[in-house]
Amino acid sequence: MESRLTTTGRWLALSAAILGWMFDGLEMGLFPLAARPALKEVLFSASSETTLNPVQEQSVKLWYAVMTANFLVGAATGGVLFGWLGDRLGRVRAMALSVLTYALFSGLCGTVTSIQQLFLWRFVASLGMGGEWALGVSLVMELWPSNSRGWLAGLIGAASNVGFVLIAVVSMSLNSFVDSLHNMLVTVGLPSGLTTTLMANDAWRMLMVCGAIPALLTFFIRVLVPESERWLEEKEKGSTGHWATQDLLGVVFGSLGPLGMIYLWANENITWTVRWVTFLPLLGVAIVGYMYPVMRYLSRAKASGVTTGLKAVGGRSVIAMMLVGASLSGIALMGTWGSLQWASPWAAKLAEGTSYTHAKEWTQIVTGTGAILGTIGAALLGHTFGRRITYIGMCVLSLVSVLALYQLNDGYGTQFLITAFFAGGLTASFYGWLPLYLPELFPTRVRATGQGFAFNFGRILAAAGALQQIALMQLFQDDYPKACSVMVMVYLVGVLVIWLAPETRGTELIE
């Protein structure tokens, strides 16, 4: 009975993590598709068919980058916040709360009437999304045996890209059946005025409302998914009591750094000199604030006489491994958000005036499909051949594939989609490798918080990259290939940074 229950519990936990990551991918794919009609409407009360003047176009592009950075900052903050909850209250309860947060507030984005509301709800939704990543990975890796880590990491990483593709398919369906869906919603009792609002401007509001669907997942997680036995053992030892609520003030303080970056880059009246001078100090605020809960935990644990379970892999410092992990994640995320995330709007631009339809959706579908294969492949390669050599290979191939996408295409068509498929698969391969590697760096007591910081602080670096993309787009006069080709050079940094990271192939998770 016990053995059967344990096996069932493992599969339930894996199912919850896969579904959670799939809806994370859906959430990440929402805004690139809804952004332009949404921003045109809330900024200028313009419809999707309205032609904007050059000043308005520049404002839409600026706010697109700001919203991207806002989402990444929120996810980074949520990774630390919900990671703390996972180490303090348990993986399952915190994961259910994180999913509920990103689902409900993503749905609320469909009700906004101002750019300020969209900014706020998008930020809160991203808090939950960032938290679910760390919690789902921690739970699965602690419940399953070590020889399963490779394919587990691949499945979890691939699930995110399934959601990314799914929302593109939903978007195409909404655009194709707007009238039919409008009539159906009225038939089931939704007021005609509300239905018209939801379906206007490429149905972007309805698309955002679809983001509330994952709320149903919280009931499954809370009722059926078992808690991590490793965490329960730490709770019985009393080690979870070393986490203190007041330490979360450090996270609030830390979030002021990247939010300050967004403010400086979003305000066109602030000079480039001020932006560059304040960049590193604001980044330092984020690092210190987000790491503060772990530093306080380690300090309290040592003061109480604890001598075991406070070191990272190989006896290294937990703090040092958090910084190394964040660097590795940041390079991957900056490469994706600073280059490939612009592929869909570039495709839409290339397809203007041609017979091609749904260019941005098809681009998202092919890049997401490639990403599904890339994440699974990278996790299995990392498990088989080693973490370090696999990361180097991903960096080199990602650089080549993105350059091929942006330098070999001057129009939208079959060649564009083929190169987008390979670029999507290779740049996303990191998201199969990271769930494999990051849990191996930290002991059970700080695993959710440590890897939550490591992965999600990478989003702060990616947010900085997204903001720099504004400058590059202005410098190259909206030339997507030139701007994105410059940003993708970040992968060369990854080839060097990986040598600071330990090789963990064949090791057990640290207790």
Protein backbone atom coordinates (compact mmCIF):
# COMPACT_ATOMS: atom_id res chain seq x y z
CA MET A 1 0.00 0.00 0.00
CA GLU A 2 2.77 2.41 0.95
CA SER A 3 4.75 1.68 -2.21
CA ARG A 4 1.69 2.13 -4.43
CA LEU A 5 0.81 5.40 -2.72
CA THR A 6 4.36 6.70 -3.17
CA THR A 7 4.37 5.86 -6.88
CA THR A 8 0.96 7.47 -7.36
CA GLY A 9 2.10 10.53 -5.46
CA ARG A 10 5.16 10.92 -7.66
CA TRP A 11 3.08 10.88 -10.82
CA LEU A 12 0.56 13.33 -9.35
CA ALA A 13 3.38 15.71 -8.43
CA LEU A 14 4.89 15.40 -11.92
CA SER A 15 1.48 16.02 -13.51
CA ALA A 16 1.00 19.14 -11.40
CA ALA A 17 4.45 20.47 -12.33
CA ILE A 18 3.93 19.75 -16.04
CA LEU A 19 0.51 21.42 -16.07
CA GLY A 20 1.85 24.36 -14.05
CA TRP A 21 4.74 24.86 -16.46
CA MET A 22 2.44 24.45 -19.44
CA PHE A 23 0.26 27.27 -18.17
CA ASP A 24 3.41 29.28 -17.41
CA GLY A 25 4.27 28.98 -21.09
CA LEU A 26 0.73 29.98 -21.99
CA GLU A 27 1.11 33.05 -19.79
CA MET A 28 4.46 33.96 -21.38
CA GLY A 29 2.97 33.58 -24.85
CA LEU A 30 -0.07 35.71 -24.14
CA PHE A 31 1.42 39.16 -24.24
CA PRO A 32 3.48 38.96 -27.44
CA LEU A 33 0.25 38.09 -29.25
CA ALA A 34 -2.04 40.54 -27.45
CA ALA A 35 0.43 43.39 -26.94
CA ARG A 36 -0.04 45.51 -30.03
CA PRO A 37 -3.87 45.68 -30.08
CA ALA A 38 -3.90 46.00 -26.28
CA LEU A 39 -1.41 48.87 -26.18
CA LYS A 40 -3.08 50.67 -29.07
CA GLU A 41 -6.41 50.51 -27.26
CA VAL A 42 -5.33 51.47 -23.74
CA LEU A 43 -2.86 54.15 -24.88
CA PHE A 44 -4.75 55.76 -27.76
CA SER A 45 -8.26 54.20 -27.81
CA ALA A 46 -7.34 52.96 -31.27
CA SER A 47 -8.62 49.79 -32.92
CA SER A 48 -6.36 47.10 -34.32
CA GLU A 49 -7.01 48.46 -37.84
CA THR A 50 -6.09 52.06 -36.95
CA THR A 51 -2.83 53.37 -38.42
CA LEU A 52 -0.72 55.13 -35.80
CA ASN A 53 1.52 58.10 -36.45
CA PRO A 54 5.31 57.69 -35.93
CA VAL A 55 5.25 59.14 -32.41
CA GLN A 56 2.47 56.77 -31.38
CA GLU A 57 4.28 53.83 -32.97
CA GLN A 58 7.38 54.64 -30.94
CA SER A 59 5.28 54.81 -27.79
CA VAL A 60 3.79 51.37 -28.48
CA LYS A 61 7.27 49.88 -28.96
CA LEU A 62 8.53 51.55 -25.79
CA TRP A 63 5.64 50.22 -23.72
CA TYR A 64 6.06 46.76 -25.24
CA ALA A 65 9.63 46.68 -23.94
CA VAL A 66 8.55 48.15 -20.59
CA MET A 67 5.80 45.55 -20.18
CA THR A 68 8.26 42.80 -21.06
CA ALA A 69 10.70 44.06 -18.44
CA ASN A 70 7.87 44.47 -15.93
CA PHE A 71 6.83 40.85 -16.45
CA LEU A 72 10.38 39.60 -16.01
CA VAL A 73 10.91 41.66 -12.84
CA GLY A 74 7.65 40.36 -11.40
CA ALA A 75 8.64 36.76 -12.17
CA ALA A 76 12.02 37.27 -10.52
CA THR A 77 10.40 38.73 -7.40
CA GLY A 78 7.82 35.94 -7.34
CA GLY A 79 10.53 33.31 -7.65
CA VAL A 80 12.15 34.52 -4.43
CA LEU A 81 8.85 35.22 -2.64
CA PHE A 82 7.14 31.92 -3.40
CA GLY A 83 10.43 30.04 -3.09
CA TRP A 84 10.61 31.38 0.47
CA LEU A 85 7.04 30.21 1.06
CA GLY A 86 7.94 26.79 -0.35
CA ASP A 87 10.87 26.39 2.06
CA ARG A 88 8.87 27.80 4.97
CA LEU A 89 5.34 26.39 4.49
CA GLY A 90 5.84 23.48 2.10
CA ARG A 91 6.14 22.98 -1.65
CA VAL A 92 2.51 22.02 -2.28
CA ARG A 93 0.72 24.86 -0.47
CA ALA A 94 3.03 27.47 -1.95
CA MET A 95 2.69 26.03 -5.46
CA ALA A 96 -1.12 26.10 -5.29
CA LEU A 97 -1.01 29.73 -4.17
CA SER A 98 1.42 30.70 -6.93
CA VAL A 99 -0.74 29.12 -9.66
CA LEU A 100 -3.86 30.83 -8.30
CA THR A 101 -2.05 34.19 -8.29
CA TYR A 102 -0.85 34.11 -11.89
CA ALA A 103 -4.14 32.68 -13.18
CA LEU A 104 -6.47 35.22 -11.57
CA PHE A 105 -4.40 38.30 -12.27
CA SER A 106 -3.67 37.24 -15.83
CA GLY A 107 -7.43 37.06 -16.35
CA LEU A 108 -7.84 40.50 -14.80
CA CYS A 109 -5.56 41.91 -17.51
CA GLY A 110 -8.53 41.47 -19.85
CA THR A 111 -10.52 44.05 -17.86
CA VAL A 112 -8.05 46.95 -17.82
CA THR A 113 -8.93 50.47 -18.92
CA SER A 114 -5.52 52.14 -18.50
CA ILE A 115 -1.84 51.44 -19.06
CA GLN A 116 -1.26 51.69 -15.30
CA GLN A 117 -3.76 48.91 -14.60
CA LEU A 118 -2.22 46.70 -17.26
CA PHE A 119 1.23 47.29 -15.78
CA LEU A 120 0.05 46.40 -12.24
CA TRP A 121 -2.00 43.29 -13.02
CA ARG A 122 0.70 41.99 -15.33
CA PHE A 123 3.26 42.44 -12.56
CA VAL A 124 1.18 40.56 -9.98
CA ALA A 125 0.40 37.76 -12.44
CA SER A 126 4.11 37.33 -13.10
CA LEU A 127 4.78 37.01 -9.36
CA GLY A 128 2.84 33.75 -9.35
CA MET A 129 4.38 32.51 -12.57
CA GLY A 130 7.91 32.98 -11.24
CA GLY A 131 7.03 31.15 -8.05
CA GLU A 132 5.57 28.11 -9.75
CA TRP A 133 8.79 27.40 -11.63
CA ALA A 134 10.95 26.92 -8.55
CA LEU A 135 8.31 25.08 -6.53
CA GLY A 136 7.30 22.59 -9.20
CA VAL A 137 10.90 21.69 -10.01
CA SER A 138 11.85 21.32 -6.32
CA LEU A 139 8.88 19.08 -5.60
CA VAL A 140 9.44 16.76 -8.56
CA MET A 141 13.20 16.44 -8.12
CA GLU A 142 12.80 15.65 -4.41
CA LEU A 143 10.12 12.99 -4.97
CA TRP A 144 11.67 11.13 -7.92
CA PRO A 145 14.93 9.10 -7.94
CA SER A 146 18.10 10.73 -9.26
CA ASN A 147 18.37 8.49 -12.34
CA SER A 148 15.11 10.03 -13.61
CA ARG A 149 16.30 13.64 -13.51
CA GLY A 150 17.20 13.91 -17.20
CA TRP A 151 13.85 13.01 -18.71
CA LEU A 152 11.96 14.73 -15.87
CA ALA A 153 13.74 18.01 -16.56
CA GLY A 154 13.08 17.60 -20.28
CA LEU A 155 9.36 16.96 -19.77
CA ILE A 156 8.93 19.92 -17.43
CA GLY A 157 10.82 22.24 -19.74
CA ALA A 158 8.91 21.04 -22.79
CA ALA A 159 5.58 21.60 -21.04
CA SER A 160 6.22 25.35 -20.95
CA ASN A 161 6.61 25.43 -24.69
CA VAL A 162 3.46 23.38 -25.21
CA GLY A 163 1.63 26.22 -23.48
CA PHE A 164 3.51 28.74 -25.62
CA VAL A 165 2.28 27.00 -28.78
CA LEU A 166 -1.22 26.43 -27.40
CA ILE A 167 -1.93 30.11 -26.79
CA ALA A 168 -0.88 30.91 -30.37
CA VAL A 169 -3.38 28.32 -31.64
CA VAL A 170 -6.06 29.79 -29.36
CA SER A 171 -5.28 33.26 -30.71
CA MET A 172 -5.67 32.09 -34.31
CA SER A 173 -8.94 30.38 -33.45
CA LEU A 174 -10.30 33.51 -31.77
CA ASN A 175 -9.39 35.67 -34.76
CA SER A 176 -10.97 33.21 -37.18
CA PHE A 177 -14.22 32.72 -35.27
CA VAL A 178 -14.81 36.11 -33.64
CA ASP A 179 -18.38 36.45 -34.91
CA SER A 180 -19.33 32.87 -34.01
CA LEU A 181 -17.80 33.13 -30.57
CA HIS A 182 -19.49 36.51 -30.00
CA ASN A 183 -22.89 34.97 -30.78
CA MET A 184 -22.18 31.95 -28.58
CA LEU A 185 -21.24 34.11 -25.58
CA VAL A 186 -24.40 36.18 -25.99
CA THR A 187 -26.45 32.99 -26.26
CA VAL A 188 -25.12 31.65 -22.95
CA GLY A 189 -26.16 34.87 -21.20
CA LEU A 190 -23.16 37.23 -21.38
CA PRO A 191 -24.31 40.85 -21.94
CA SER A 192 -23.95 41.94 -25.54
CA GLY A 193 -21.94 45.06 -24.64
CA LEU A 194 -19.45 43.07 -22.56
CA THR A 195 -19.13 40.45 -25.28
CA THR A 196 -18.41 43.12 -27.89
CA THR A 197 -15.71 44.60 -25.67
CA LEU A 198 -14.08 41.20 -25.12
CA MET A 199 -14.03 40.36 -28.82
CA ALA A 200 -12.91 43.76 -30.13
CA ASN A 201 -9.42 44.48 -31.49
CA ASP A 202 -8.35 40.94 -32.37
CA ALA A 203 -10.09 39.66 -29.21
CA TRP A 204 -7.05 40.52 -27.08
CA ARG A 205 -9.17 40.88 -23.93
CA MET A 206 -10.68 37.42 -24.44
CA LEU A 207 -7.18 36.06 -24.95
CA MET A 208 -6.09 37.51 -21.59
CA VAL A 209 -9.21 36.15 -19.87
CA CYS A 210 -8.19 32.69 -21.06
CA GLY A 211 -5.20 33.10 -18.77
CA ALA A 212 -7.51 32.56 -15.78
CA ILE A 213 -8.14 28.93 -16.73
CA PRO A 214 -5.17 27.55 -14.69
CA ALA A 215 -6.99 28.60 -11.49
CA LEU A 216 -8.73 25.21 -11.67
CA LEU A 217 -5.32 23.54 -11.28
CA THR A 218 -5.00 24.81 -7.70
CA PHE A 219 -7.69 22.45 -6.44
CA PHE A 220 -5.91 19.46 -7.99
CA ILE A 221 -2.60 20.51 -6.46
CA ARG A 222 -3.92 21.19 -2.98
CA VAL A 223 -6.08 18.06 -2.65
CA LEU A 224 -4.17 15.33 -4.49
CA VAL A 225 -0.47 16.19 -4.73
CA PRO A 226 1.68 14.88 -1.84
CA GLU A 227 4.18 17.04 0.00
CA SER A 228 7.91 16.48 -0.47
CA GLU A 229 9.17 13.93 2.06
CA ARG A 230 12.54 15.68 2.12
CA TRP A 231 10.85 18.93 3.14
CA LEU A 232 8.72 17.15 5.76
CA GLU A 233 11.88 15.70 7.28
CA GLU A 234 13.38 19.19 7.50
CA LYS A 235 10.18 20.44 9.12
CA GLU A 236 10.35 17.69 11.74
CA LYS A 237 13.93 18.71 12.50
CA GLY A 238 12.74 22.29 13.03
CA SER A 239 14.97 23.74 10.33
CA THR A 240 12.04 25.40 8.50
CA GLY A 241 11.55 27.62 11.53
CA HIS A 242 14.72 29.55 10.72
CA TRP A 243 12.81 31.37 7.97
CA ALA A 244 11.35 34.67 9.24
CA THR A 245 8.52 36.69 7.69
CA GLN A 246 10.24 40.02 8.29
CA ASP A 247 13.02 38.92 5.94
CA LEU A 248 10.60 39.37 3.04
CA LEU A 249 11.05 43.11 3.46
CA GLY A 250 14.39 42.49 1.78
CA VAL A 251 12.55 41.16 -1.29
CA VAL A 252 10.34 44.27 -1.35
CA PHE A 253 13.46 46.43 -1.12
CA GLY A 254 15.18 44.38 -3.81
CA SER A 255 12.28 44.80 -6.24
CA LEU A 256 12.75 48.58 -6.08
CA GLY A 257 16.03 48.20 -8.00
CA PRO A 258 14.66 46.69 -11.22
CA LEU A 259 11.44 48.69 -10.98
CA GLY A 260 13.64 51.77 -10.83
CA MET A 261 15.37 50.59 -14.00
CA ILE A 262 12.03 50.29 -15.75
CA TYR A 263 11.00 53.78 -14.63
CA LEU A 264 14.24 55.32 -15.87
CA TRP A 265 14.07 53.61 -19.25
CA ALA A 266 10.34 54.23 -19.70
CA ASN A 267 10.67 57.96 -19.01
CA GLU A 268 11.76 59.60 -22.24
CA ASN A 269 12.77 62.78 -20.39
CA ILE A 270 15.61 61.02 -18.55
CA THR A 271 18.98 61.12 -20.29
CA TRP A 272 20.99 58.10 -21.35
CA THR A 273 23.79 59.18 -19.02
CA VAL A 274 21.51 58.97 -15.97
CA ARG A 275 20.23 55.57 -17.08
CA TRP A 276 23.71 54.09 -17.47
CA VAL A 277 25.13 55.61 -14.28
CA THR A 278 22.28 54.26 -12.15
CA PHE A 279 22.13 50.83 -13.78
CA LEU A 280 24.71 48.98 -11.66
CA PRO A 281 23.61 50.50 -8.29
CA LEU A 282 20.00 49.50 -9.00
CA LEU A 283 21.12 46.01 -10.01
CA GLY A 284 23.04 45.81 -6.73
CA VAL A 285 19.88 46.71 -4.81
CA ALA A 286 18.10 43.78 -6.45
CA ILE A 287 20.91 41.31 -5.69
CA VAL A 288 21.16 42.25 -2.01
CA GLY A 289 17.40 42.43 -1.48
CA TYR A 290 16.54 39.13 -3.16
CA MET A 291 19.35 37.27 -1.41
CA TYR A 292 18.57 38.74 2.01
CA PRO A 293 16.10 36.01 3.14
CA VAL A 294 18.65 33.26 2.44
CA MET A 295 21.48 35.16 4.12
CA ARG A 296 19.33 35.66 7.25
CA TYR A 297 18.26 32.00 7.22
CA LEU A 298 21.84 30.77 7.06
CA SER A 299 22.83 33.16 9.83
CA ARG A 300 20.05 31.96 12.16
CA ALA A 301 20.71 28.30 11.41
CA LYS A 302 24.42 28.65 12.22
CA ALA A 303 23.64 30.58 15.41
CA SER A 304 21.38 27.73 16.56
CA GLY A 305 24.21 25.24 16.20
CA VAL A 306 23.27 23.69 12.85
CA THR A 307 26.35 22.44 11.00
CA THR A 308 24.92 20.27 8.21
CA GLY A 309 22.73 21.03 5.21
CA LEU A 310 23.95 24.63 4.91
CA LYS A 311 26.45 24.18 2.08
CA ALA A 312 25.85 23.96 -1.65
CA VAL A 313 27.21 21.22 -3.91
CA GLY A 314 30.82 20.26 -3.22
CA GLY A 315 30.88 22.22 0.03
CA ARG A 316 30.60 25.53 -1.80
CA SER A 317 28.84 28.59 -0.44
CA VAL A 318 25.08 28.71 -1.04
CA ILE A 319 25.36 32.43 -1.82
CA ALA A 320 28.09 31.82 -4.40
CA MET A 321 26.05 29.13 -6.13
CA MET A 322 23.01 31.42 -6.18
CA LEU A 323 25.07 34.01 -8.06
CA VAL A 324 26.56 31.47 -10.48
CA GLY A 325 23.13 29.96 -11.14
CA ALA A 326 21.64 33.41 -11.71
CA SER A 327 24.38 34.23 -14.22
CA LEU A 328 23.79 31.02 -16.18
CA SER A 329 20.03 31.61 -16.19
CA GLY A 330 20.42 35.28 -17.05
CA ILE A 331 22.50 34.55 -20.14
CA ALA A 332 19.87 32.09 -21.40
CA LEU A 333 16.96 34.39 -20.62
CA MET A 334 18.63 37.49 -22.04
CA GLY A 335 19.35 35.65 -25.25
CA THR A 336 15.70 34.62 -25.56
CA TRP A 337 13.98 37.82 -24.46
CA GLY A 338 16.47 40.11 -26.14
CA SER A 339 16.39 38.42 -29.51
CA LEU A 340 13.94 35.59 -30.20
CA GLN A 341 10.97 37.23 -28.46
CA TRP A 342 11.14 39.88 -31.18
CA ALA A 343 10.74 37.28 -33.92
CA SER A 344 6.92 37.35 -33.87
CA PRO A 345 6.55 41.14 -34.23
CA TRP A 346 9.29 41.09 -36.89
CA ALA A 347 7.39 38.39 -38.77
CA ALA A 348 4.22 40.49 -38.63
CA LYS A 349 6.16 43.45 -40.02
CA LEU A 350 7.67 41.37 -42.85
CA ALA A 351 4.25 39.96 -43.74
CA GLU A 352 2.58 43.37 -44.08
CA GLY A 353 1.25 43.90 -47.58
CA THR A 354 1.63 40.22 -48.50
CA SER A 355 -0.86 37.36 -48.78
CA TYR A 356 0.44 35.75 -45.60
CA THR A 357 -1.90 35.77 -42.60
CA HIS A 358 -1.28 35.03 -38.91
CA ALA A 359 2.47 35.53 -39.38
CA LYS A 360 3.14 36.24 -35.70
CA GLU A 361 1.06 33.24 -34.57
CA TRP A 362 2.76 30.85 -37.01
CA THR A 363 6.15 32.16 -35.92
CA GLN A 364 5.27 31.49 -32.29
CA ILE A 365 3.98 28.01 -33.17
CA VAL A 366 7.13 26.95 -35.03
CA THR A 367 9.53 28.42 -32.46
CA GLY A 368 7.51 26.80 -29.67
CA THR A 369 7.46 23.44 -31.45
CA GLY A 370 11.21 23.59 -31.89
CA ALA A 371 11.51 24.52 -28.23
CA ILE A 372 9.59 21.41 -27.14
CA LEU A 373 12.16 19.22 -28.86
CA GLY A 374 15.09 21.39 -27.75
CA THR A 375 14.24 21.30 -24.04
CA ILE A 376 13.85 17.53 -23.98
CA GLY A 377 17.04 17.01 -25.97
CA ALA A 378 19.14 19.35 -23.81
CA ALA A 379 18.02 17.72 -20.57
CA LEU A 380 18.85 14.25 -21.86
CA LEU A 381 22.20 15.36 -23.27
CA GLY A 382 23.10 17.09 -20.01
CA HIS A 383 22.19 13.99 -18.04
CA THR A 384 24.21 11.72 -20.33
CA PHE A 385 27.30 13.74 -21.26
CA GLY A 386 27.59 16.28 -18.47
CA ARG A 387 26.13 19.64 -17.51
CA ARG A 388 29.06 21.84 -18.52
CA ILE A 389 29.76 20.58 -22.03
CA THR A 390 26.05 20.62 -22.83
CA TYR A 391 25.73 24.27 -21.74
CA ILE A 392 28.67 25.28 -23.93
CA GLY A 393 27.12 23.51 -26.91
CA MET A 394 23.78 25.23 -26.31
CA CYS A 395 25.44 28.66 -26.23
CA VAL A 396 27.35 28.13 -29.50
CA LEU A 397 24.41 26.64 -31.40
CA SER A 398 21.96 29.25 -30.09
CA LEU A 399 24.24 32.04 -31.30
CA VAL A 400 24.54 30.50 -34.76
CA SER A 401 20.80 29.76 -35.10
CA VAL A 402 19.64 33.25 -34.09
CA LEU A 403 22.14 34.90 -36.43
CA ALA A 404 20.87 32.64 -39.21
CA LEU A 405 17.28 33.69 -38.50
CA TYR A 406 17.96 37.41 -38.54
CA GLN A 407 20.69 37.58 -41.18
CA LEU A 408 19.48 35.10 -43.78
CA ASN A 409 15.89 36.34 -44.07
CA ASP A 410 14.60 39.51 -45.68
CA GLY A 411 11.01 38.34 -46.03
CA TYR A 412 8.43 36.11 -44.38
CA GLY A 413 7.93 32.63 -45.81
CA THR A 414 9.03 29.00 -45.63
CA GLN A 415 12.73 29.76 -45.10
CA PHE A 416 11.85 32.19 -42.33
CA LEU A 417 9.77 29.57 -40.51
CA ILE A 418 12.44 26.86 -40.89
CA THR A 419 15.17 29.05 -39.42
CA ALA A 420 12.75 30.19 -36.70
CA PHE A 421 12.11 26.53 -35.82
CA PHE A 422 15.80 25.85 -35.24
CA ALA A 423 16.37 29.13 -33.39
CA GLY A 424 13.38 28.40 -31.17
CA GLY A 425 14.59 24.88 -30.38
CA LEU A 426 18.17 25.81 -29.61
CA THR A 427 17.56 28.98 -27.59
CA ALA A 428 14.88 27.21 -25.54
CA SER A 429 17.11 24.19 -24.85
CA PHE A 430 18.36 25.96 -21.71
CA TYR A 431 14.93 25.57 -20.14
CA GLY A 432 15.33 21.81 -20.14
CA TRP A 433 18.90 22.06 -18.84
CA LEU A 434 18.15 24.49 -15.97
CA PRO A 435 15.52 22.29 -14.23
CA LEU A 436 18.09 19.49 -14.35
CA TYR A 437 21.03 21.50 -13.03
CA LEU A 438 19.80 24.12 -10.57
CA PRO A 439 18.20 21.73 -8.00
CA GLU A 440 21.54 19.93 -7.78
CA LEU A 441 23.32 23.03 -6.50
CA PHE A 442 21.38 23.53 -3.25
CA PRO A 443 20.55 21.57 -0.07
CA THR A 444 16.92 20.70 0.70
CA ARG A 445 16.60 23.44 3.33
CA VAL A 446 17.11 26.27 0.83
CA ARG A 447 16.46 24.50 -2.48
CA ALA A 448 13.23 26.27 -3.47
CA THR A 449 14.55 29.70 -2.50
CA GLY A 450 18.04 29.10 -3.89
CA GLN A 451 17.01 27.84 -7.30
CA GLY A 452 14.08 30.28 -7.34
CA PHE A 453 16.62 33.08 -7.05
CA ALA A 454 19.04 31.45 -9.49
CA PHE A 455 16.51 31.02 -12.28
CA ASN A 456 14.33 34.03 -11.68
CA PHE A 457 17.07 36.56 -10.97
CA GLY A 458 18.16 35.71 -14.46
CA ARG A 459 14.91 37.41 -15.45
CA ILE A 460 16.22 40.66 -13.95
CA LEU A 461 19.21 40.44 -16.27
CA ALA A 462 16.83 39.59 -19.11
CA ALA A 463 14.68 42.58 -18.19
CA ALA A 464 17.78 44.75 -18.41
CA GLY A 465 18.44 43.24 -21.83
CA ALA A 466 14.87 43.96 -22.95
CA LEU A 467 15.33 47.59 -21.89
CA GLN A 468 18.64 47.80 -23.76
CA GLN A 469 16.79 46.57 -26.82
CA ILE A 470 14.92 49.89 -26.83
CA ALA A 471 18.23 51.68 -27.27
CA LEU A 472 19.38 49.25 -29.94
CA MET A 473 16.14 49.57 -31.89
CA GLN A 474 16.48 53.34 -31.79
CA LEU A 475 20.15 53.18 -32.72
CA PHE A 476 19.48 50.92 -35.72
CA GLN A 477 16.24 52.72 -36.67
CA ASP A 478 13.90 49.78 -35.98
CA ASP A 479 16.13 47.33 -37.85
CA TYR A 480 15.20 44.06 -36.08
CA PRO A 481 18.05 41.95 -37.56
CA LYS A 482 20.79 44.36 -36.49
CA ALA A 483 19.43 44.97 -32.98
CA CYS A 484 18.77 41.30 -32.25
CA SER A 485 22.08 40.16 -33.71
CA VAL A 486 23.92 42.43 -31.28
CA MET A 487 21.93 41.20 -28.27
CA VAL A 488 22.51 37.53 -29.09
CA MET A 489 26.25 37.95 -28.52
CA VAL A 490 25.48 37.41 -24.82
CA TYR A 491 25.84 33.67 -25.49
CA LEU A 492 29.59 34.16 -25.83
CA VAL A 493 29.63 35.24 -22.18
CA GLY A 494 27.92 31.96 -21.29
CA VAL A 495 30.81 29.95 -22.75
CA LEU A 496 33.07 31.62 -20.16
CA VAL A 497 30.74 31.72 -17.14
CA ILE A 498 29.98 27.99 -17.19
CA TRP A 499 33.55 27.29 -16.07
CA LEU A 500 32.68 28.85 -12.70
CA ALA A 501 29.94 26.25 -12.22
CA PRO A 502 30.60 22.77 -10.79
CA GLU A 503 30.00 19.62 -12.81
CA THR A 504 27.23 17.63 -11.08
CA ARG A 505 26.64 14.67 -13.38
CA GLY A 506 26.20 11.49 -11.36
CA THR A 507 25.73 13.22 -7.98
CA GLU A 508 22.80 12.86 -5.58
CA LEU A 509 20.69 15.80 -4.44
CA ILE A 510 22.16 17.39 -1.30
CA GLU A 511 20.22 16.71 1.89
